[in-house]
Amino acid sequence: MVLAIEAPAWQRYAPLDTRQLAQTLLRIAAHADPRALRSHPRGPKLRSNKKDVSGGEAQRHVATARVLKHGKMT
């Protein structure tokens, strides 16, 4: 926090004990809008093209012994 805010701005909070400082920071944070503080808004997710193999084919279980026996995946 000290790096983001110059030292003179912290002078008013120096006399506060830990509990008072925590309560003050929570009151300040309650009014902050995180979306306004975001450096770059997230864009929409891009759709990926996964149409090469059907879902059932991609998740089908094949026994390793059967693959080794036939020499290929069926």
N, C-alpha and C. Protein backbone atom coordinates (compact mmCIF):
# COMPACT_ATOMS: atom_id res chain seq x y z
N MET A 1 0.81 -1.19 0.00
CA MET A 1 0.00 0.00 0.00
C MET A 1 0.86 1.26 0.00
N VAL A 2 1.97 1.21 0.70
CA VAL A 2 2.80 2.40 0.79
C VAL A 2 3.36 2.74 -0.59
N LEU A 3 3.61 1.75 -1.42
CA LEU A 3 4.13 2.02 -2.74
C LEU A 3 3.08 2.68 -3.63
N ALA A 4 1.82 2.33 -3.47
CA ALA A 4 0.76 2.88 -4.30
C ALA A 4 0.33 4.26 -3.84
N ILE A 5 0.48 4.55 -2.57
CA ILE A 5 0.05 5.84 -2.01
C ILE A 5 1.25 6.49 -1.34
N GLU A 6 1.45 7.75 -1.64
CA GLU A 6 2.60 8.48 -1.08
C GLU A 6 2.54 8.55 0.44
N ALA A 7 3.68 8.68 1.08
CA ALA A 7 3.80 8.67 2.55
C ALA A 7 2.97 9.76 3.24
N PRO A 8 2.91 11.00 2.73
CA PRO A 8 2.12 12.02 3.44
C PRO A 8 0.64 11.66 3.58
N ALA A 9 0.10 10.87 2.67
CA ALA A 9 -1.31 10.49 2.75
C ALA A 9 -1.56 9.54 3.93
N TRP A 10 -0.52 8.84 4.40
CA TRP A 10 -0.67 7.89 5.49
C TRP A 10 -0.53 8.54 6.86
N GLN A 11 -0.14 9.81 6.93
CA GLN A 11 0.10 10.49 8.20
C GLN A 11 -1.14 10.51 9.09
N ARG A 12 -2.32 10.66 8.51
CA ARG A 12 -3.55 10.72 9.33
C ARG A 12 -3.87 9.38 9.96
N TYR A 13 -3.33 8.28 9.39
CA TYR A 13 -3.62 6.95 9.92
C TYR A 13 -2.55 6.46 10.90
N ALA A 14 -1.46 7.19 11.05
CA ALA A 14 -0.36 6.78 11.93
C ALA A 14 -0.79 6.63 13.39
N PRO A 15 -1.62 7.51 13.95
CA PRO A 15 -1.98 7.36 15.36
C PRO A 15 -2.98 6.23 15.65
N LEU A 16 -3.59 5.65 14.63
CA LEU A 16 -4.59 4.60 14.83
C LEU A 16 -3.93 3.28 15.23
N ASP A 17 -4.60 2.53 16.11
CA ASP A 17 -4.08 1.20 16.43
C ASP A 17 -4.56 0.24 15.33
N THR A 18 -4.17 -1.01 15.42
CA THR A 18 -4.44 -1.99 14.37
C THR A 18 -5.94 -2.16 14.11
N ARG A 19 -6.71 -2.27 15.18
CA ARG A 19 -8.15 -2.47 15.03
C ARG A 19 -8.82 -1.26 14.37
N GLN A 20 -8.46 -0.06 14.81
CA GLN A 20 -9.05 1.15 14.23
C GLN A 20 -8.66 1.30 12.76
N LEU A 21 -7.40 0.99 12.44
CA LEU A 21 -6.96 1.08 11.05
C LEU A 21 -7.71 0.09 10.18
N ALA A 22 -7.91 -1.13 10.68
CA ALA A 22 -8.65 -2.14 9.93
C ALA A 22 -10.08 -1.70 9.68
N GLN A 23 -10.74 -1.16 10.69
CA GLN A 23 -12.12 -0.69 10.53
C GLN A 23 -12.19 0.46 9.52
N THR A 24 -11.23 1.37 9.58
CA THR A 24 -11.21 2.50 8.65
C THR A 24 -11.01 2.01 7.22
N LEU A 25 -10.08 1.08 7.01
CA LEU A 25 -9.83 0.56 5.67
C LEU A 25 -11.03 -0.21 5.14
N LEU A 26 -11.73 -0.93 6.01
CA LEU A 26 -12.94 -1.63 5.58
C LEU A 26 -14.04 -0.66 5.16
N ARG A 27 -14.17 0.44 5.91
CA ARG A 27 -15.17 1.46 5.52
C ARG A 27 -14.82 2.08 4.17
N ILE A 28 -13.54 2.33 3.94
CA ILE A 28 -13.12 2.90 2.66
C ILE A 28 -13.36 1.88 1.54
N ALA A 29 -13.02 0.62 1.78
CA ALA A 29 -13.16 -0.42 0.76
C ALA A 29 -14.61 -0.68 0.40
N ALA A 30 -15.52 -0.44 1.33
CA ALA A 30 -16.94 -0.67 1.06
C ALA A 30 -17.46 0.25 -0.03
N HIS A 31 -16.81 1.38 -0.23
CA HIS A 31 -17.25 2.34 -1.26
C HIS A 31 -16.46 2.21 -2.55
N ALA A 32 -15.51 1.30 -2.61
CA ALA A 32 -14.70 1.13 -3.82
C ALA A 32 -15.43 0.23 -4.81
N ASP A 33 -15.32 0.56 -6.08
CA ASP A 33 -15.90 -0.25 -7.15
C ASP A 33 -14.77 -0.99 -7.84
N PRO A 34 -14.65 -2.31 -7.65
CA PRO A 34 -13.53 -3.06 -8.25
C PRO A 34 -13.50 -2.97 -9.76
N ARG A 35 -14.67 -2.86 -10.39
CA ARG A 35 -14.69 -2.76 -11.86
C ARG A 35 -14.03 -1.47 -12.33
N ALA A 36 -14.14 -0.41 -11.54
CA ALA A 36 -13.53 0.85 -11.93
C ALA A 36 -12.01 0.81 -11.74
N LEU A 37 -11.53 -0.06 -10.87
CA LEU A 37 -10.11 -0.15 -10.60
C LEU A 37 -9.41 -1.15 -11.52
N ARG A 38 -10.15 -1.88 -12.29
CA ARG A 38 -9.57 -2.89 -13.19
C ARG A 38 -8.79 -2.18 -14.29
N SER A 39 -7.59 -2.68 -14.58
CA SER A 39 -6.76 -2.02 -15.58
C SER A 39 -7.22 -2.31 -17.00
N HIS A 40 -7.79 -3.47 -17.23
CA HIS A 40 -8.27 -3.81 -18.56
C HIS A 40 -9.48 -4.72 -18.40
N PRO A 41 -10.62 -4.32 -18.95
CA PRO A 41 -11.81 -5.17 -18.80
C PRO A 41 -11.66 -6.46 -19.59
N ARG A 42 -12.19 -7.52 -19.04
CA ARG A 42 -12.14 -8.81 -19.72
C ARG A 42 -13.07 -8.82 -20.91
N GLY A 43 -12.61 -9.39 -21.97
CA GLY A 43 -13.44 -9.53 -23.15
C GLY A 43 -14.24 -10.81 -23.09
N PRO A 44 -15.12 -11.03 -24.06
CA PRO A 44 -15.89 -12.27 -24.05
C PRO A 44 -14.99 -13.46 -24.37
N LYS A 45 -15.38 -14.63 -23.87
CA LYS A 45 -14.62 -15.84 -24.16
C LYS A 45 -14.76 -16.19 -25.64
N LEU A 46 -13.65 -16.63 -26.22
CA LEU A 46 -13.68 -17.05 -27.61
C LEU A 46 -14.12 -18.51 -27.68
N ARG A 47 -14.97 -18.82 -28.64
CA ARG A 47 -15.42 -20.19 -28.80
C ARG A 47 -14.33 -20.98 -29.51
N SER A 48 -14.05 -22.16 -29.01
CA SER A 48 -13.05 -23.00 -29.65
C SER A 48 -13.74 -24.00 -30.56
N ASN A 49 -13.07 -24.34 -31.64
CA ASN A 49 -13.63 -25.29 -32.60
C ASN A 49 -13.14 -26.68 -32.24
N LYS A 50 -13.99 -27.48 -31.61
CA LYS A 50 -13.63 -28.83 -31.20
C LYS A 50 -14.51 -29.84 -31.94
N LYS A 51 -14.76 -29.59 -33.19
CA LYS A 51 -15.66 -30.44 -33.97
C LYS A 51 -14.92 -31.57 -34.68
N ASP A 52 -13.62 -31.76 -34.44
CA ASP A 52 -12.86 -32.79 -35.12
C ASP A 52 -13.35 -34.19 -34.75
N VAL A 53 -13.69 -34.40 -33.49
CA VAL A 53 -14.13 -35.70 -32.99
C VAL A 53 -15.40 -35.48 -32.18
N SER A 54 -16.36 -36.38 -32.31
CA SER A 54 -17.59 -36.24 -31.54
C SER A 54 -17.30 -36.47 -30.06
N GLY A 55 -18.14 -35.96 -29.20
CA GLY A 55 -17.95 -36.09 -27.76
C GLY A 55 -17.95 -37.52 -27.30
N GLY A 56 -18.84 -38.35 -27.84
CA GLY A 56 -18.90 -39.76 -27.46
C GLY A 56 -17.64 -40.50 -27.87
N GLU A 57 -17.14 -40.19 -29.03
CA GLU A 57 -15.93 -40.85 -29.52
C GLU A 57 -14.71 -40.43 -28.70
N ALA A 58 -14.66 -39.19 -28.30
CA ALA A 58 -13.51 -38.69 -27.55
C ALA A 58 -13.46 -39.26 -26.13
N GLN A 59 -14.60 -39.56 -25.53
CA GLN A 59 -14.63 -40.03 -24.15
C GLN A 59 -14.80 -41.55 -24.04
N ARG A 60 -14.83 -42.24 -25.15
CA ARG A 60 -15.04 -43.68 -25.12
C ARG A 60 -13.81 -44.37 -24.54
N HIS A 61 -14.02 -45.32 -23.66
CA HIS A 61 -12.93 -46.06 -23.03
C HIS A 61 -12.51 -47.23 -23.91
N VAL A 62 -11.21 -47.40 -24.05
CA VAL A 62 -10.68 -48.55 -24.78
C VAL A 62 -9.63 -49.19 -23.89
N ALA A 63 -9.72 -50.50 -23.71
CA ALA A 63 -8.77 -51.21 -22.86
C ALA A 63 -7.39 -51.23 -23.52
N THR A 64 -6.37 -51.01 -22.72
CA THR A 64 -5.00 -50.99 -23.23
C THR A 64 -4.63 -52.35 -23.83
N ALA A 65 -5.04 -53.43 -23.21
CA ALA A 65 -4.73 -54.77 -23.73
C ALA A 65 -5.32 -54.95 -25.13
N ARG A 66 -6.52 -54.45 -25.35
CA ARG A 66 -7.16 -54.58 -26.66
C ARG A 66 -6.40 -53.76 -27.72
N VAL A 67 -5.95 -52.59 -27.35
CA VAL A 67 -5.18 -51.75 -28.29
C VAL A 67 -3.88 -52.44 -28.65
N LEU A 68 -3.20 -53.01 -27.66
CA LEU A 68 -1.94 -53.69 -27.92
C LEU A 68 -2.14 -54.95 -28.76
N LYS A 69 -3.24 -55.64 -28.55
CA LYS A 69 -3.53 -56.88 -29.28
C LYS A 69 -3.77 -56.60 -30.76
N HIS A 70 -4.55 -55.58 -31.04
CA HIS A 70 -4.91 -55.28 -32.43
C HIS A 70 -3.91 -54.35 -33.10
N GLY A 71 -3.10 -53.66 -32.34
CA GLY A 71 -2.12 -52.77 -32.92
C GLY A 71 -2.69 -51.42 -33.34
N LYS A 72 -3.97 -51.19 -33.10
CA LYS A 72 -4.58 -49.90 -33.43
C LYS A 72 -5.78 -49.68 -32.52
N MET A 73 -6.22 -48.44 -32.47
CA MET A 73 -7.38 -48.11 -31.65
C MET A 73 -8.63 -48.18 -32.50
N THR A 74 -9.66 -48.91 -32.06
CA THR A 74 -10.88 -49.04 -32.85
C THR A 74 -12.01 -48.28 -32.21
